[in-house]
Amino acid sequence: MITVAESPVRAWEHLLGPAAPHEWTRVTNGESGADVLRSTDGARYAKCVPAGQQDLLAEERDRVAWLSQRGIPCPTVLDWTADATGACLLTSAVQGIPADSVSATELWRAWPSIIEAVRELHALPSHDCPFHRDLRRMFAVAEDVVARDAVNPEFLPVEQQQMPGRDLLARLAAQLDDRLAEEPADTVVCHGDLCLPNIILDADTLSFAGFIDLGRLGRADRYADIALLLANSREVWSEENLARRADDAFAADYGGTLDRDRLRFYLHLDPLTWG
């Protein structure tokens, strides 16, 4: 029998009970009404959603299952339970600490292993990946979000937070043909939300331990991942010189030079696709 430490967890008790006889605590309230729960032994996570979000959670389940069989450190699917009220995805935990919880010095120490992990993810045969996040598809998502006036200003760069979503989208639309022409040569298996909280580090060695939150994994231009990672890491590097060194180190270890125009395009597109 499950014991629950917080009342919000009780709503999912009927789904969690048969699958995971542990005490659960609520970690955070996720997007679209999802609840993320952690077992008290730290070995398992459960993501639970109401009935209207079952399909999205099932897509995340399939992505986790696919990547976990490809030699890339990430959670594994332990169980899936669904009924008319909602669904719960039970996964193993990646042991360690999120990369956004460390200092700039510690992140610099971890940086080479993070770059290597991204390179290995992107080196997977993209034609084997059944999930798609191609630019035309994601631009259509952005068009829908903007049309519904559902852009979250908090996701936007500070200088764009007072701008209408249609104006932001129009700026990107002017570059769309060029970006679409570049995409085929750089299509890889992307994480889809490659920010520091979704990168887990070994607490002792600060080396890469695994990727989490794989609901957006799929085939896309590699710059969709790189733009988010470099921009998010810049929030940790307090010195501009260190940020430039980190970008240079990424380019050297990952391979190739960084196209700043493409970085800006994908960085500015991403916030318009949430909503």
C-alpha atoms as a PDB file:
ATOM      1  CA  MET A   1       0.000   0.000   0.000  1.00  0.00           C
ATOM      2  CA  ILE A   2       1.275   3.449  -0.905  1.00  0.00           C
ATOM      3  CA  THR A   3       1.681   6.181   1.641  1.00  0.00           C
ATOM      4  CA  VAL A   4       1.647   9.709   0.318  1.00  0.00           C
ATOM      5  CA  ALA A   5       3.592  12.613   1.750  1.00  0.00           C
ATOM      6  CA  GLU A   6       1.611  15.387   0.063  1.00  0.00           C
ATOM      7  CA  SER A   7      -2.072  15.598  -0.806  1.00  0.00           C
ATOM      8  CA  PRO A   8      -1.531  16.325  -4.559  1.00  0.00           C
ATOM      9  CA  VAL A   9       0.040  12.891  -4.891  1.00  0.00           C
ATOM     10  CA  ARG A  10      -3.133  11.213  -3.676  1.00  0.00           C
ATOM     11  CA  ALA A  11      -4.921  12.038  -6.906  1.00  0.00           C
ATOM     12  CA  TRP A  12      -2.667   9.558  -8.715  1.00  0.00           C
ATOM     13  CA  GLU A  13      -2.632   6.857  -6.046  1.00  0.00           C
ATOM     14  CA  HIS A  14      -4.992   4.585  -7.993  1.00  0.00           C
ATOM     15  CA  LEU A  15      -2.578   4.606 -10.957  1.00  0.00           C
ATOM     16  CA  LEU A  16       0.653   4.360  -8.985  1.00  0.00           C
ATOM     17  CA  GLY A  17      -0.453   1.728  -6.480  1.00  0.00           C
ATOM     18  CA  PRO A  18      -0.151  -1.491  -8.505  1.00  0.00           C
ATOM     19  CA  ALA A  19       3.055  -0.373 -10.188  1.00  0.00           C
ATOM     20  CA  ALA A  20       5.182   1.110  -7.412  1.00  0.00           C
ATOM     21  CA  PRO A  21       4.703   0.291  -3.741  1.00  0.00           C
ATOM     22  CA  HIS A  22       6.679   3.243  -2.390  1.00  0.00           C
ATOM     23  CA  GLU A  23       6.019   6.507  -0.688  1.00  0.00           C
ATOM     24  CA  TRP A  24       5.901   9.280  -3.236  1.00  0.00           C
ATOM     25  CA  THR A  25       6.461  13.007  -2.957  1.00  0.00           C
ATOM     26  CA  ARG A  26       5.620  15.681  -5.441  1.00  0.00           C
ATOM     27  CA  VAL A  27       8.648  17.200  -7.139  1.00  0.00           C
ATOM     28  CA  THR A  28       7.042  19.849  -9.307  1.00  0.00           C
ATOM     29  CA  ASN A  29       3.943  20.670 -11.237  1.00  0.00           C
ATOM     30  CA  GLY A  30       4.869  20.308 -14.879  1.00  0.00           C
ATOM     31  CA  GLU A  31       3.512  21.630 -18.143  1.00  0.00           C
ATOM     32  CA  SER A  32      -0.127  21.045 -19.118  1.00  0.00           C
ATOM     33  CA  GLY A  33      -1.259  19.863 -15.705  1.00  0.00           C
ATOM     34  CA  ALA A  34       1.376  17.154 -15.294  1.00  0.00           C
ATOM     35  CA  ASP A  35       2.653  16.154 -11.879  1.00  0.00           C
ATOM     36  CA  VAL A  36       6.192  14.830 -11.426  1.00  0.00           C
ATOM     37  CA  LEU A  37       6.628  12.513  -8.434  1.00  0.00           C
ATOM     38  CA  ARG A  38       9.703  10.909  -6.901  1.00  0.00           C
ATOM     39  CA  SER A  39       9.900   7.758  -4.827  1.00  0.00           C
ATOM     40  CA  THR A  40      11.477   8.318  -1.432  1.00  0.00           C
ATOM     41  CA  ASP A  41      14.331   5.956  -2.256  1.00  0.00           C
ATOM     42  CA  GLY A  42      15.226   8.228  -5.189  1.00  0.00           C
ATOM     43  CA  ALA A  43      15.224   5.350  -7.658  1.00  0.00           C
ATOM     44  CA  ARG A  44      12.064   6.131  -9.613  1.00  0.00           C
ATOM     45  CA  TYR A  45      10.121   9.022 -11.056  1.00  0.00           C
ATOM     46  CA  ALA A  46       6.495   9.103 -12.091  1.00  0.00           C
ATOM     47  CA  LYS A  47       4.951  11.620 -14.453  1.00  0.00           C
ATOM     48  CA  CYS A  48       1.181  11.753 -14.179  1.00  0.00           C
ATOM     49  CA  VAL A  49      -1.257  13.635 -16.409  1.00  0.00           C
ATOM     50  CA  PRO A  50      -5.037  14.045 -16.682  1.00  0.00           C
ATOM     51  CA  ALA A  51      -6.924  12.259 -19.432  1.00  0.00           C
ATOM     52  CA  GLY A  52      -6.550  15.043 -21.980  1.00  0.00           C
ATOM     53  CA  GLN A  53      -2.753  14.755 -21.906  1.00  0.00           C
ATOM     54  CA  GLN A  54      -2.426  10.984 -22.213  1.00  0.00           C
ATOM     55  CA  ASP A  55      -1.362  11.044 -25.852  1.00  0.00           C
ATOM     56  CA  LEU A  56       1.492  13.475 -25.176  1.00  0.00           C
ATOM     57  CA  LEU A  57       2.708  11.399 -22.255  1.00  0.00           C
ATOM     58  CA  ALA A  58       2.529   8.241 -24.363  1.00  0.00           C
ATOM     59  CA  GLU A  59       4.746   9.956 -26.936  1.00  0.00           C
ATOM     60  CA  GLU A  60       7.257  10.760 -24.201  1.00  0.00           C
ATOM     61  CA  ARG A  61       7.131   7.138 -23.028  1.00  0.00           C
ATOM     62  CA  ASP A  62       7.969   5.938 -26.520  1.00  0.00           C
ATOM     63  CA  ARG A  63      10.880   8.358 -26.817  1.00  0.00           C
ATOM     64  CA  VAL A  64      12.361   7.293 -23.485  1.00  0.00           C
ATOM     65  CA  ALA A  65      12.024   3.626 -24.445  1.00  0.00           C
ATOM     66  CA  TRP A  66      13.663   4.223 -27.828  1.00  0.00           C
ATOM     67  CA  LEU A  67      16.653   6.221 -26.567  1.00  0.00           C
ATOM     68  CA  SER A  68      17.301   3.907 -23.623  1.00  0.00           C
ATOM     69  CA  GLN A  69      18.010   1.144 -26.134  1.00  0.00           C
ATOM     70  CA  ARG A  70      20.586   3.193 -28.044  1.00  0.00           C
ATOM     71  CA  GLY A  71      23.458   3.281 -25.549  1.00  0.00           C
ATOM     72  CA  ILE A  72      22.796   6.877 -24.484  1.00  0.00           C
ATOM     73  CA  PRO A  73      22.490   7.260 -20.685  1.00  0.00           C
ATOM     74  CA  CYS A  74      18.907   8.193 -19.840  1.00  0.00           C
ATOM     75  CA  PRO A  75      15.958   6.846 -17.847  1.00  0.00           C
ATOM     76  CA  THR A  76      14.305   3.537 -18.710  1.00  0.00           C
ATOM     77  CA  VAL A  77      10.576   2.887 -18.813  1.00  0.00           C
ATOM     78  CA  LEU A  78       9.504   0.783 -15.822  1.00  0.00           C
ATOM     79  CA  ASP A  79       5.734   0.908 -16.154  1.00  0.00           C
ATOM     80  CA  TRP A  80       2.816   2.623 -17.839  1.00  0.00           C
ATOM     81  CA  THR A  81      -0.679   2.859 -16.391  1.00  0.00           C
ATOM     82  CA  ALA A  82      -3.669   4.609 -17.922  1.00  0.00           C
ATOM     83  CA  ASP A  83      -7.421   4.731 -17.451  1.00  0.00           C
ATOM     84  CA  ALA A  84     -10.274   7.142 -18.098  1.00  0.00           C
ATOM     85  CA  THR A  85      -8.945   9.613 -15.510  1.00  0.00           C
ATOM     86  CA  GLY A  86      -5.351   9.953 -16.687  1.00  0.00           C
ATOM     87  CA  ALA A  87      -2.022   8.213 -17.125  1.00  0.00           C
ATOM     88  CA  CYS A  88       1.244   7.682 -15.242  1.00  0.00           C
ATOM     89  CA  LEU A  89       4.650   6.995 -16.761  1.00  0.00           C
ATOM     90  CA  LEU A  90       7.061   5.331 -14.355  1.00  0.00           C
ATOM     91  CA  THR A  91      10.782   5.566 -15.157  1.00  0.00           C
ATOM     92  CA  SER A  92      14.078   4.879 -13.489  1.00  0.00           C
ATOM     93  CA  ALA A  93      16.010   7.840 -12.137  1.00  0.00           C
ATOM     94  CA  VAL A  94      19.331   9.002 -13.535  1.00  0.00           C
ATOM     95  CA  GLN A  95      21.432   9.311 -10.408  1.00  0.00           C
ATOM     96  CA  GLY A  96      23.262  12.582 -10.002  1.00  0.00           C
ATOM     97  CA  ILE A  97      22.655  16.327  -9.935  1.00  0.00           C
ATOM     98  CA  PRO A  98      21.250  18.651 -12.621  1.00  0.00           C
ATOM     99  CA  ALA A  99      23.867  20.656 -14.483  1.00  0.00           C
ATOM    100  CA  ASP A 100      22.096  23.920 -13.631  1.00  0.00           C
ATOM    101  CA  SER A 101      22.717  23.328  -9.916  1.00  0.00           C
ATOM    102  CA  VAL A 102      26.505  23.591 -10.080  1.00  0.00           C
ATOM    103  CA  SER A 103      28.789  26.624  -9.995  1.00  0.00           C
ATOM    104  CA  ALA A 104      30.449  28.131 -13.041  1.00  0.00           C
ATOM    105  CA  THR A 105      33.733  26.488 -12.050  1.00  0.00           C
ATOM    106  CA  GLU A 106      32.070  23.106 -11.684  1.00  0.00           C
ATOM    107  CA  LEU A 107      30.193  23.480 -14.966  1.00  0.00           C
ATOM    108  CA  TRP A 108      33.476  24.264 -16.710  1.00  0.00           C
ATOM    109  CA  ARG A 109      34.877  21.050 -15.255  1.00  0.00           C
ATOM    110  CA  ALA A 110      31.853  19.133 -16.551  1.00  0.00           C
ATOM    111  CA  TRP A 111      31.767  20.882 -19.929  1.00  0.00           C
ATOM    112  CA  PRO A 112      33.964  18.426 -21.915  1.00  0.00           C
ATOM    113  CA  SER A 113      31.850  15.434 -20.892  1.00  0.00           C
ATOM    114  CA  ILE A 114      28.630  17.332 -21.693  1.00  0.00           C
ATOM    115  CA  ILE A 115      29.951  18.177 -25.161  1.00  0.00           C
ATOM    116  CA  GLU A 116      30.925  14.553 -25.727  1.00  0.00           C
ATOM    117  CA  ALA A 117      27.467  13.365 -24.661  1.00  0.00           C
ATOM    118  CA  VAL A 118      25.781  15.759 -27.091  1.00  0.00           C
ATOM    119  CA  ARG A 119      28.121  14.669 -29.863  1.00  0.00           C
ATOM    120  CA  GLU A 120      27.293  11.004 -29.200  1.00  0.00           C
ATOM    121  CA  LEU A 121      23.561  11.706 -29.159  1.00  0.00           C
ATOM    122  CA  HIS A 122      23.807  13.582 -32.440  1.00  0.00           C
ATOM    123  CA  ALA A 123      25.916  10.776 -33.928  1.00  0.00           C
ATOM    124  CA  LEU A 124      23.063   8.272 -33.657  1.00  0.00           C
ATOM    125  CA  PRO A 125      21.765   7.268 -37.120  1.00  0.00           C
ATOM    126  CA  SER A 126      18.992   9.810 -37.594  1.00  0.00           C
ATOM    127  CA  HIS A 127      17.208   7.651 -40.174  1.00  0.00           C
ATOM    128  CA  ASP A 128      16.570   5.079 -37.429  1.00  0.00           C
ATOM    129  CA  CYS A 129      14.724   7.604 -35.275  1.00  0.00           C
ATOM    130  CA  PRO A 130      10.926   7.397 -35.695  1.00  0.00           C
ATOM    131  CA  PHE A 131      10.259  10.761 -34.034  1.00  0.00           C
ATOM    132  CA  HIS A 132      10.200  14.030 -35.965  1.00  0.00           C
ATOM    133  CA  ARG A 133      10.855  17.608 -34.932  1.00  0.00           C
ATOM    134  CA  ASP A 134      11.786  18.965 -38.347  1.00  0.00           C
ATOM    135  CA  LEU A 135      11.729  22.709 -38.877  1.00  0.00           C
ATOM    136  CA  ARG A 136       8.613  22.857 -41.029  1.00  0.00           C
ATOM    137  CA  ARG A 137       6.710  20.925 -38.363  1.00  0.00           C
ATOM    138  CA  MET A 138       8.004  23.067 -35.481  1.00  0.00           C
ATOM    139  CA  PHE A 139       7.383  26.308 -37.354  1.00  0.00           C
ATOM    140  CA  ALA A 140       3.773  25.204 -37.794  1.00  0.00           C
ATOM    141  CA  VAL A 141       3.595  24.633 -34.030  1.00  0.00           C
ATOM    142  CA  ALA A 142       4.913  28.159 -33.488  1.00  0.00           C
ATOM    143  CA  GLU A 143       2.302  29.552 -35.879  1.00  0.00           C
ATOM    144  CA  ASP A 144      -0.426  27.831 -33.877  1.00  0.00           C
ATOM    145  CA  VAL A 145       0.921  29.077 -30.529  1.00  0.00           C
ATOM    146  CA  VAL A 146       1.133  32.645 -31.846  1.00  0.00           C
ATOM    147  CA  ALA A 147      -2.327  32.467 -33.417  1.00  0.00           C
ATOM    148  CA  ARG A 148      -3.772  31.428 -30.042  1.00  0.00           C
ATOM    149  CA  ASP A 149      -1.854  34.231 -28.314  1.00  0.00           C
ATOM    150  CA  ALA A 150      -0.353  31.553 -26.088  1.00  0.00           C
ATOM    151  CA  VAL A 151       3.303  32.644 -26.102  1.00  0.00           C
ATOM    152  CA  ASN A 152       4.704  32.719 -22.567  1.00  0.00           C
ATOM    153  CA  PRO A 153       6.714  35.980 -22.272  1.00  0.00           C
ATOM    154  CA  GLU A 154       8.873  34.444 -19.532  1.00  0.00           C
ATOM    155  CA  PHE A 155      10.342  32.049 -22.102  1.00  0.00           C
ATOM    156  CA  LEU A 156      11.440  34.905 -24.375  1.00  0.00           C
ATOM    157  CA  PRO A 157      14.722  36.841 -24.267  1.00  0.00           C
ATOM    158  CA  VAL A 158      14.304  39.981 -22.178  1.00  0.00           C
ATOM    159  CA  GLU A 159      14.527  42.251 -25.212  1.00  0.00           C
ATOM    160  CA  GLN A 160      11.616  40.419 -26.875  1.00  0.00           C
ATOM    161  CA  GLN A 161       9.211  40.132 -23.956  1.00  0.00           C
ATOM    162  CA  GLN A 162       7.191  43.213 -24.894  1.00  0.00           C
ATOM    163  CA  MET A 163       6.973  42.360 -28.599  1.00  0.00           C
ATOM    164  CA  PRO A 164       3.842  40.805 -30.143  1.00  0.00           C
ATOM    165  CA  GLY A 165       4.267  37.143 -31.026  1.00  0.00           C
ATOM    166  CA  ARG A 166       3.253  37.782 -34.636  1.00  0.00           C
ATOM    167  CA  ASP A 167       6.177  40.214 -35.029  1.00  0.00           C
ATOM    168  CA  LEU A 168       8.621  37.706 -33.569  1.00  0.00           C
ATOM    169  CA  LEU A 169       7.304  35.023 -35.893  1.00  0.00           C
ATOM    170  CA  ALA A 170       7.527  37.322 -38.910  1.00  0.00           C
ATOM    171  CA  ARG A 171      11.235  37.878 -38.242  1.00  0.00           C
ATOM    172  CA  LEU A 172      11.780  34.143 -38.291  1.00  0.00           C
ATOM    173  CA  ALA A 173       9.599  33.613 -41.338  1.00  0.00           C
ATOM    174  CA  ALA A 174      11.924  35.865 -43.323  1.00  0.00           C
ATOM    175  CA  GLN A 175      14.748  33.361 -42.685  1.00  0.00           C
ATOM    176  CA  LEU A 176      12.705  30.186 -43.023  1.00  0.00           C
ATOM    177  CA  ASP A 177      13.673  29.251 -46.574  1.00  0.00           C
ATOM    178  CA  ASP A 178      17.381  29.534 -45.786  1.00  0.00           C
ATOM    179  CA  ARG A 179      17.046  27.476 -42.624  1.00  0.00           C
ATOM    180  CA  LEU A 180      15.005  24.801 -44.422  1.00  0.00           C
ATOM    181  CA  ALA A 181      17.705  24.547 -47.088  1.00  0.00           C
ATOM    182  CA  GLU A 182      20.358  23.983 -44.391  1.00  0.00           C
ATOM    183  CA  GLU A 183      18.399  21.407 -42.427  1.00  0.00           C
ATOM    184  CA  PRO A 184      18.884  18.196 -44.482  1.00  0.00           C
ATOM    185  CA  ALA A 185      22.661  18.185 -44.108  1.00  0.00           C
ATOM    186  CA  ASP A 186      22.442  18.756 -40.347  1.00  0.00           C
ATOM    187  CA  THR A 187      19.506  16.572 -39.328  1.00  0.00           C
ATOM    188  CA  VAL A 188      20.395  14.539 -36.229  1.00  0.00           C
ATOM    189  CA  VAL A 189      18.654  12.938 -33.269  1.00  0.00           C
ATOM    190  CA  CYS A 190      18.041  15.962 -31.048  1.00  0.00           C
ATOM    191  CA  HIS A 191      17.113  16.025 -27.380  1.00  0.00           C
ATOM    192  CA  GLY A 192      14.641  18.786 -28.164  1.00  0.00           C
ATOM    193  CA  ASP A 193      14.944  20.670 -24.870  1.00  0.00           C
ATOM    194  CA  LEU A 194      18.680  20.611 -24.282  1.00  0.00           C
ATOM    195  CA  CYS A 195      18.920  22.878 -21.258  1.00  0.00           C
ATOM    196  CA  LEU A 196      21.117  22.360 -18.215  1.00  0.00           C
ATOM    197  CA  PRO A 197      18.283  21.079 -15.940  1.00  0.00           C
ATOM    198  CA  ASN A 198      17.853  18.177 -18.380  1.00  0.00           C
ATOM    199  CA  ILE A 199      21.512  17.155 -18.163  1.00  0.00           C
ATOM    200  CA  ILE A 200      22.458  15.098 -15.117  1.00  0.00           C
ATOM    201  CA  LEU A 201      26.020  15.024 -13.765  1.00  0.00           C
ATOM    202  CA  ASP A 202      27.703  12.531 -11.461  1.00  0.00           C
ATOM    203  CA  ALA A 203      27.753  14.251  -8.072  1.00  0.00           C
ATOM    204  CA  ASP A 204      31.325  13.170  -7.320  1.00  0.00           C
ATOM    205  CA  THR A 205      33.131  13.427 -10.637  1.00  0.00           C
ATOM    206  CA  LEU A 206      30.906  16.068 -12.287  1.00  0.00           C
ATOM    207  CA  SER A 207      31.013  14.005 -15.471  1.00  0.00           C
ATOM    208  CA  PHE A 208      27.941  13.496 -17.644  1.00  0.00           C
ATOM    209  CA  ALA A 209      25.542  10.915 -16.186  1.00  0.00           C
ATOM    210  CA  GLY A 210      22.513  11.091 -18.454  1.00  0.00           C
ATOM    211  CA  PHE A 211      19.785  13.041 -20.240  1.00  0.00           C
ATOM    212  CA  ILE A 212      16.285  13.429 -18.793  1.00  0.00           C
ATOM    213  CA  ASP A 213      12.958  14.957 -19.919  1.00  0.00           C
ATOM    214  CA  LEU A 214      12.888  13.436 -23.380  1.00  0.00           C
ATOM    215  CA  GLY A 215       9.390  14.443 -24.444  1.00  0.00           C
ATOM    216  CA  ARG A 216      10.701  16.486 -27.378  1.00  0.00           C
ATOM    217  CA  LEU A 217      13.332  14.074 -28.638  1.00  0.00           C
ATOM    218  CA  GLY A 218      13.329  13.658 -32.409  1.00  0.00           C
ATOM    219  CA  ARG A 219      14.953  14.332 -35.744  1.00  0.00           C
ATOM    220  CA  ALA A 220      15.849  17.993 -36.175  1.00  0.00           C
ATOM    221  CA  ASP A 221      18.616  20.369 -37.188  1.00  0.00           C
ATOM    222  CA  ARG A 222      21.486  20.004 -34.702  1.00  0.00           C
ATOM    223  CA  TYR A 223      21.311  23.760 -34.100  1.00  0.00           C
ATOM    224  CA  ALA A 224      17.953  23.309 -32.343  1.00  0.00           C
ATOM    225  CA  ASP A 225      19.891  21.603 -29.523  1.00  0.00           C
ATOM    226  CA  ILE A 226      23.115  23.582 -29.691  1.00  0.00           C
ATOM    227  CA  ALA A 227      21.369  26.960 -29.519  1.00  0.00           C
ATOM    228  CA  LEU A 228      19.542  26.070 -26.315  1.00  0.00           C
ATOM    229  CA  LEU A 229      22.561  24.518 -24.620  1.00  0.00           C
ATOM    230  CA  LEU A 230      24.916  27.410 -25.306  1.00  0.00           C
ATOM    231  CA  ALA A 231      22.356  30.072 -24.387  1.00  0.00           C
ATOM    232  CA  ASN A 232      21.396  28.323 -21.166  1.00  0.00           C
ATOM    233  CA  SER A 233      25.005  27.775 -20.140  1.00  0.00           C
ATOM    234  CA  ARG A 234      25.707  31.481 -20.645  1.00  0.00           C
ATOM    235  CA  GLU A 235      23.417  32.125 -17.685  1.00  0.00           C
ATOM    236  CA  VAL A 236      25.976  30.312 -15.519  1.00  0.00           C
ATOM    237  CA  TRP A 237      29.178  31.807 -16.893  1.00  0.00           C
ATOM    238  CA  SER A 238      29.377  35.149 -15.091  1.00  0.00           C
ATOM    239  CA  GLU A 239      32.267  36.399 -17.223  1.00  0.00           C
ATOM    240  CA  GLU A 240      31.828  37.068 -20.927  1.00  0.00           C
ATOM    241  CA  ASN A 241      35.328  35.792 -21.548  1.00  0.00           C
ATOM    242  CA  LEU A 242      34.448  32.441 -19.997  1.00  0.00           C
ATOM    243  CA  ALA A 243      31.251  32.249 -22.062  1.00  0.00           C
ATOM    244  CA  ARG A 244      33.272  32.779 -25.242  1.00  0.00           C
ATOM    245  CA  ARG A 245      35.780  30.138 -24.140  1.00  0.00           C
ATOM    246  CA  ALA A 246      32.909  27.714 -23.507  1.00  0.00           C
ATOM    247  CA  ASP A 247      31.504  28.340 -26.999  1.00  0.00           C
ATOM    248  CA  ASP A 248      34.944  27.853 -28.513  1.00  0.00           C
ATOM    249  CA  ALA A 249      35.471  24.657 -26.526  1.00  0.00           C
ATOM    250  CA  PHE A 250      32.118  23.357 -27.714  1.00  0.00           C
ATOM    251  CA  ALA A 251      32.968  24.050 -31.352  1.00  0.00           C
ATOM    252  CA  ALA A 252      36.408  22.442 -31.015  1.00  0.00           C
ATOM    253  CA  ASP A 253      35.246  19.300 -29.197  1.00  0.00           C
ATOM    254  CA  TYR A 254      31.963  18.850 -31.022  1.00  0.00           C
ATOM    255  CA  GLY A 255      33.534  19.573 -34.386  1.00  0.00           C
ATOM    256  CA  GLY A 256      33.069  22.477 -36.791  1.00  0.00           C
ATOM    257  CA  THR A 257      32.430  26.172 -36.441  1.00  0.00           C
ATOM    258  CA  LEU A 258      29.327  27.791 -34.993  1.00  0.00           C
ATOM    259  CA  ASP A 259      26.944  29.679 -37.292  1.00  0.00           C
ATOM    260  CA  ARG A 260      25.708  32.576 -35.156  1.00  0.00           C
ATOM    261  CA  ASP A 261      22.736  33.337 -37.417  1.00  0.00           C
ATOM    262  CA  ARG A 262      21.446  29.787 -37.103  1.00  0.00           C
ATOM    263  CA  LEU A 263      22.005  29.834 -33.346  1.00  0.00           C
ATOM    264  CA  ARG A 264      19.880  32.975 -33.034  1.00  0.00           C
ATOM    265  CA  PHE A 265      17.161  31.599 -35.304  1.00  0.00           C
ATOM    266  CA  TYR A 266      16.641  28.393 -33.337  1.00  0.00           C
ATOM    267  CA  LEU A 267      17.029  30.146 -29.989  1.00  0.00           C
ATOM    268  CA  HIS A 268      14.258  32.599 -30.927  1.00  0.00           C
ATOM    269  CA  LEU A 269      12.018  29.922 -32.455  1.00  0.00           C
ATOM    270  CA  ASP A 270      11.991  27.646 -29.408  1.00  0.00           C
ATOM    271  CA  PRO A 271      10.001  29.912 -27.036  1.00  0.00           C
ATOM    272  CA  LEU A 272       7.258  30.223 -29.652  1.00  0.00           C
ATOM    273  CA  THR A 273       6.725  26.459 -29.708  1.00  0.00           C
ATOM    274  CA  TRP A 274       5.617  26.198 -26.054  1.00  0.00           C
ATOM    275  CA  GLY A 275       1.997  26.964 -25.368  1.00  0.00           C
END
